[in-house]
Amino acid sequence: MLNKKDFLAGICGDNVEFSIPNVGNVMLRSLTVKELKTIANDYKTDDIGAATATLLYGMVEPKLDKSDLEALESAIPGIIMNISKRISELSGLNDTQDTNSPN
């Protein structure tokens, strides 16, 4: 049986390197439940805003903060969405399987 320490370590996830074509590699991590709640509350109807906030939380290296928001808002949307999608996948949010259909 899994102990509490191993369980908590296992559900926190690891950092993962992600390659951005023609830009370079960055280090990403999954979102925490608290971060996801904040994004969901702050960006209910703003997908690009939510994607940008996801980068602020989920990018480990280089580490971004709110002072980088203006630069992110001037970036190519597809790049922001692709990085955000990868962070969401690391967070277990972009499951491509249909959980309602039988195997």
N, C-alpha and C. Protein backbone atom coordinates (compact mmCIF):
# COMPACT_ATOMS: atom_id res chain seq x y z
N MET A 1 0.84 -1.18 0.00
CA MET A 1 0.00 0.00 0.00
C MET A 1 0.89 1.24 0.00
N LEU A 2 0.50 2.22 -0.76
CA LEU A 2 1.24 3.47 -0.90
C LEU A 2 1.14 4.29 0.38
N ASN A 3 2.26 4.83 0.83
CA ASN A 3 2.21 5.68 2.02
C ASN A 3 1.94 7.13 1.62
N LYS A 4 1.61 7.94 2.59
CA LYS A 4 1.23 9.34 2.35
C LYS A 4 2.34 10.12 1.65
N LYS A 5 3.57 9.98 2.10
CA LYS A 5 4.70 10.72 1.52
C LYS A 5 4.88 10.39 0.05
N ASP A 6 4.85 9.09 -0.30
CA ASP A 6 5.02 8.67 -1.69
C ASP A 6 3.83 9.11 -2.56
N PHE A 7 2.63 9.06 -2.00
CA PHE A 7 1.45 9.50 -2.73
C PHE A 7 1.56 10.98 -3.08
N LEU A 8 1.87 11.82 -2.09
CA LEU A 8 1.97 13.26 -2.33
C LEU A 8 3.10 13.59 -3.30
N ALA A 9 4.21 12.89 -3.21
CA ALA A 9 5.31 13.10 -4.15
C ALA A 9 4.90 12.70 -5.56
N GLY A 10 4.13 11.63 -5.68
CA GLY A 10 3.72 11.11 -6.98
C GLY A 10 2.71 11.98 -7.70
N ILE A 11 1.87 12.68 -6.97
CA ILE A 11 0.83 13.48 -7.63
C ILE A 11 1.27 14.91 -7.94
N CYS A 12 2.49 15.27 -7.55
CA CYS A 12 2.97 16.63 -7.80
C CYS A 12 3.65 16.79 -9.16
N GLY A 13 4.07 15.72 -9.79
CA GLY A 13 4.63 15.79 -11.13
C GLY A 13 6.06 16.30 -11.16
N ASP A 14 6.70 16.07 -12.30
CA ASP A 14 8.08 16.47 -12.51
C ASP A 14 8.15 17.59 -13.54
N ASN A 15 9.27 18.27 -13.56
CA ASN A 15 9.53 19.25 -14.60
C ASN A 15 9.86 18.53 -15.90
N VAL A 16 9.43 19.11 -17.02
CA VAL A 16 9.61 18.49 -18.33
C VAL A 16 10.14 19.54 -19.30
N GLU A 17 11.11 19.15 -20.10
CA GLU A 17 11.64 20.05 -21.12
C GLU A 17 10.69 20.05 -22.31
N PHE A 18 10.47 21.22 -22.89
CA PHE A 18 9.56 21.38 -24.02
C PHE A 18 10.26 22.22 -25.08
N SER A 19 10.25 21.74 -26.31
CA SER A 19 10.92 22.42 -27.41
C SER A 19 9.93 23.30 -28.17
N ILE A 20 10.30 24.56 -28.34
CA ILE A 20 9.51 25.51 -29.12
C ILE A 20 10.26 25.72 -30.43
N PRO A 21 9.69 25.27 -31.55
CA PRO A 21 10.38 25.39 -32.84
C PRO A 21 10.83 26.83 -33.11
N ASN A 22 12.04 26.96 -33.60
CA ASN A 22 12.65 28.25 -33.96
C ASN A 22 12.85 29.20 -32.77
N VAL A 23 12.66 28.68 -31.56
CA VAL A 23 12.86 29.50 -30.37
C VAL A 23 13.86 28.85 -29.44
N GLY A 24 13.60 27.61 -29.02
CA GLY A 24 14.48 26.90 -28.10
C GLY A 24 13.68 26.07 -27.12
N ASN A 25 14.36 25.60 -26.08
CA ASN A 25 13.74 24.74 -25.09
C ASN A 25 13.42 25.51 -23.82
N VAL A 26 12.31 25.14 -23.21
CA VAL A 26 11.90 25.69 -21.92
C VAL A 26 11.61 24.54 -20.99
N MET A 27 11.54 24.82 -19.70
CA MET A 27 11.20 23.81 -18.72
C MET A 27 9.80 24.12 -18.19
N LEU A 28 8.93 23.10 -18.20
CA LEU A 28 7.55 23.26 -17.77
C LEU A 28 7.23 22.33 -16.62
N ARG A 29 6.16 22.65 -15.91
CA ARG A 29 5.65 21.79 -14.84
C ARG A 29 4.13 21.82 -14.89
N SER A 30 3.52 20.91 -14.18
CA SER A 30 2.06 20.90 -14.11
C SER A 30 1.56 22.01 -13.19
N LEU A 31 0.31 22.36 -13.36
CA LEU A 31 -0.33 23.33 -12.47
C LEU A 31 -0.75 22.65 -11.18
N THR A 32 -0.85 23.43 -10.12
CA THR A 32 -1.40 22.92 -8.88
C THR A 32 -2.92 23.13 -8.92
N VAL A 33 -3.62 22.51 -8.03
CA VAL A 33 -5.07 22.70 -7.94
C VAL A 33 -5.38 24.16 -7.65
N LYS A 34 -4.62 24.77 -6.76
CA LYS A 34 -4.83 26.18 -6.41
C LYS A 34 -4.64 27.09 -7.63
N GLU A 35 -3.59 26.84 -8.41
CA GLU A 35 -3.34 27.65 -9.61
C GLU A 35 -4.45 27.48 -10.63
N LEU A 36 -4.90 26.26 -10.81
CA LEU A 36 -5.98 25.99 -11.76
C LEU A 36 -7.26 26.71 -11.34
N LYS A 37 -7.56 26.70 -10.05
CA LYS A 37 -8.74 27.42 -9.56
C LYS A 37 -8.63 28.91 -9.84
N THR A 38 -7.46 29.47 -9.61
CA THR A 38 -7.24 30.90 -9.85
C THR A 38 -7.45 31.23 -11.33
N ILE A 39 -6.87 30.43 -12.21
CA ILE A 39 -7.03 30.66 -13.65
C ILE A 39 -8.50 30.53 -14.05
N ALA A 40 -9.16 29.49 -13.57
CA ALA A 40 -10.57 29.28 -13.91
C ALA A 40 -11.45 30.44 -13.45
N ASN A 41 -11.17 30.97 -12.27
CA ASN A 41 -11.96 32.09 -11.75
C ASN A 41 -11.65 33.40 -12.46
N ASP A 42 -10.39 33.64 -12.78
CA ASP A 42 -9.99 34.91 -13.37
C ASP A 42 -10.24 35.01 -14.87
N TYR A 43 -10.30 33.86 -15.56
CA TYR A 43 -10.39 33.87 -17.03
C TYR A 43 -11.51 32.97 -17.53
N LYS A 44 -12.71 33.11 -16.97
CA LYS A 44 -13.83 32.24 -17.29
C LYS A 44 -14.16 32.19 -18.78
N THR A 45 -14.09 33.31 -19.47
CA THR A 45 -14.47 33.35 -20.88
C THR A 45 -13.34 33.83 -21.78
N ASP A 46 -12.12 33.82 -21.28
CA ASP A 46 -10.98 34.35 -22.02
C ASP A 46 -9.92 33.26 -22.19
N ASP A 47 -10.02 32.50 -23.28
CA ASP A 47 -9.11 31.38 -23.50
C ASP A 47 -7.65 31.82 -23.63
N ILE A 48 -7.41 32.91 -24.35
CA ILE A 48 -6.02 33.39 -24.51
C ILE A 48 -5.48 33.91 -23.17
N GLY A 49 -6.32 34.60 -22.42
CA GLY A 49 -5.90 35.06 -21.09
C GLY A 49 -5.57 33.90 -20.18
N ALA A 50 -6.39 32.85 -20.23
CA ALA A 50 -6.14 31.66 -19.43
C ALA A 50 -4.85 30.98 -19.86
N ALA A 51 -4.61 30.92 -21.17
CA ALA A 51 -3.37 30.31 -21.67
C ALA A 51 -2.16 31.10 -21.22
N THR A 52 -2.25 32.41 -21.26
CA THR A 52 -1.15 33.27 -20.82
C THR A 52 -0.88 33.08 -19.33
N ALA A 53 -1.94 33.04 -18.53
CA ALA A 53 -1.79 32.82 -17.08
C ALA A 53 -1.19 31.45 -16.81
N THR A 54 -1.55 30.47 -17.62
CA THR A 54 -0.99 29.13 -17.48
C THR A 54 0.52 29.16 -17.64
N LEU A 55 1.01 29.95 -18.58
CA LEU A 55 2.46 30.09 -18.76
C LEU A 55 3.12 30.73 -17.54
N LEU A 56 2.46 31.74 -16.98
CA LEU A 56 3.03 32.39 -15.80
C LEU A 56 3.24 31.40 -14.66
N TYR A 57 2.30 30.48 -14.51
CA TYR A 57 2.39 29.48 -13.44
C TYR A 57 3.26 28.29 -13.82
N GLY A 58 3.10 27.78 -15.03
CA GLY A 58 3.67 26.49 -15.39
C GLY A 58 5.04 26.51 -16.03
N MET A 59 5.55 27.67 -16.39
CA MET A 59 6.89 27.72 -16.98
C MET A 59 7.91 27.89 -15.86
N VAL A 60 8.80 26.92 -15.77
CA VAL A 60 9.81 26.90 -14.72
C VAL A 60 11.07 27.65 -15.14
N GLU A 61 11.46 27.43 -16.39
CA GLU A 61 12.68 28.06 -16.90
C GLU A 61 12.50 28.42 -18.36
N PRO A 62 12.57 29.65 -18.75
CA PRO A 62 12.76 30.81 -17.89
C PRO A 62 11.50 31.07 -17.07
N LYS A 63 11.67 31.51 -15.84
CA LYS A 63 10.54 31.81 -14.96
C LYS A 63 9.96 33.15 -15.35
N LEU A 64 8.65 33.15 -15.58
CA LEU A 64 7.95 34.38 -15.95
C LEU A 64 7.14 34.89 -14.76
N ASP A 65 6.86 36.19 -14.75
CA ASP A 65 5.98 36.74 -13.73
C ASP A 65 5.06 37.78 -14.37
N LYS A 66 4.25 38.41 -13.56
CA LYS A 66 3.25 39.34 -14.09
C LYS A 66 3.87 40.50 -14.87
N SER A 67 5.12 40.83 -14.59
CA SER A 67 5.76 41.91 -15.34
C SER A 67 6.01 41.51 -16.80
N ASP A 68 5.93 40.22 -17.10
CA ASP A 68 6.12 39.73 -18.47
C ASP A 68 4.80 39.63 -19.25
N LEU A 69 3.70 39.96 -18.59
CA LEU A 69 2.38 39.81 -19.20
C LEU A 69 2.23 40.59 -20.49
N GLU A 70 2.70 41.82 -20.53
CA GLU A 70 2.56 42.63 -21.75
C GLU A 70 3.29 41.99 -22.93
N ALA A 71 4.50 41.48 -22.68
CA ALA A 71 5.25 40.81 -23.75
C ALA A 71 4.53 39.55 -24.21
N LEU A 72 3.98 38.80 -23.27
CA LEU A 72 3.23 37.59 -23.65
C LEU A 72 2.00 37.94 -24.47
N GLU A 73 1.35 39.03 -24.14
CA GLU A 73 0.15 39.45 -24.88
C GLU A 73 0.49 39.94 -26.28
N SER A 74 1.77 40.24 -26.53
CA SER A 74 2.21 40.66 -27.86
C SER A 74 2.79 39.50 -28.67
N ALA A 75 2.79 38.31 -28.08
CA ALA A 75 3.40 37.14 -28.72
C ALA A 75 2.46 36.50 -29.74
N ILE A 76 3.00 35.57 -30.50
CA ILE A 76 2.22 34.81 -31.48
C ILE A 76 1.28 33.88 -30.71
N PRO A 77 -0.05 34.02 -30.90
CA PRO A 77 -1.01 33.24 -30.11
C PRO A 77 -0.81 31.73 -30.19
N GLY A 78 -0.46 31.22 -31.36
CA GLY A 78 -0.30 29.77 -31.51
C GLY A 78 0.80 29.21 -30.62
N ILE A 79 1.88 29.96 -30.46
CA ILE A 79 2.97 29.51 -29.60
C ILE A 79 2.50 29.47 -28.14
N ILE A 80 1.82 30.53 -27.71
CA ILE A 80 1.30 30.58 -26.34
C ILE A 80 0.34 29.42 -26.10
N MET A 81 -0.55 29.17 -27.06
CA MET A 81 -1.53 28.09 -26.90
C MET A 81 -0.86 26.73 -26.86
N ASN A 82 0.18 26.51 -27.67
CA ASN A 82 0.88 25.22 -27.67
C ASN A 82 1.60 24.96 -26.35
N ILE A 83 2.24 25.97 -25.81
CA ILE A 83 2.91 25.80 -24.51
C ILE A 83 1.86 25.56 -23.43
N SER A 84 0.79 26.33 -23.46
CA SER A 84 -0.29 26.16 -22.48
C SER A 84 -0.90 24.76 -22.57
N LYS A 85 -1.07 24.27 -23.79
CA LYS A 85 -1.63 22.93 -23.99
C LYS A 85 -0.72 21.88 -23.35
N ARG A 86 0.59 22.03 -23.50
CA ARG A 86 1.52 21.07 -22.91
C ARG A 86 1.47 21.12 -21.39
N ILE A 87 1.38 22.32 -20.82
CA ILE A 87 1.25 22.44 -19.36
C ILE A 87 -0.05 21.79 -18.90
N SER A 88 -1.11 21.98 -19.65
CA SER A 88 -2.39 21.35 -19.31
C SER A 88 -2.29 19.83 -19.37
N GLU A 89 -1.59 19.30 -20.38
CA GLU A 89 -1.37 17.86 -20.47
C GLU A 89 -0.60 17.35 -19.26
N LEU A 90 0.44 18.07 -18.85
CA LEU A 90 1.21 17.69 -17.66
C LEU A 90 0.34 17.70 -16.42
N SER A 91 -0.67 18.56 -16.42
CA SER A 91 -1.60 18.69 -15.30
C SER A 91 -2.73 17.68 -15.35
N GLY A 92 -2.74 16.86 -16.41
CA GLY A 92 -3.79 15.85 -16.55
C GLY A 92 -5.11 16.40 -17.04
N LEU A 93 -5.08 17.56 -17.71
CA LEU A 93 -6.31 18.23 -18.12
C LEU A 93 -6.71 18.00 -19.57
N ASN A 94 -5.78 17.65 -20.43
CA ASN A 94 -6.08 17.47 -21.85
C ASN A 94 -6.11 16.00 -22.21
N ASP A 95 -6.97 15.25 -21.56
CA ASP A 95 -7.08 13.83 -21.85
C ASP A 95 -7.82 13.66 -23.16
N THR A 96 -7.17 13.06 -24.15
CA THR A 96 -7.77 12.92 -25.47
C THR A 96 -8.71 11.72 -25.56
N GLN A 97 -8.73 10.88 -24.54
CA GLN A 97 -9.63 9.73 -24.57
C GLN A 97 -11.03 10.16 -24.15
N ASP A 98 -12.03 9.59 -24.79
CA ASP A 98 -13.42 9.84 -24.42
C ASP A 98 -13.75 8.92 -23.26
N THR A 99 -13.86 9.49 -22.05
CA THR A 99 -14.10 8.67 -20.86
C THR A 99 -15.53 8.16 -20.77
N ASN A 100 -16.42 8.67 -21.61
CA ASN A 100 -17.81 8.23 -21.58
C ASN A 100 -18.09 7.05 -22.51
N SER A 101 -17.16 6.74 -23.39
CA SER A 101 -17.41 5.64 -24.31
C SER A 101 -16.82 4.34 -23.77
N PRO A 102 -17.45 3.20 -24.07
CA PRO A 102 -16.92 1.92 -23.61
C PRO A 102 -15.62 1.59 -24.32
N ASN A 103 -14.78 0.76 -23.70
CA ASN A 103 -13.49 0.38 -24.30
C ASN A 103 -13.67 -0.38 -25.56
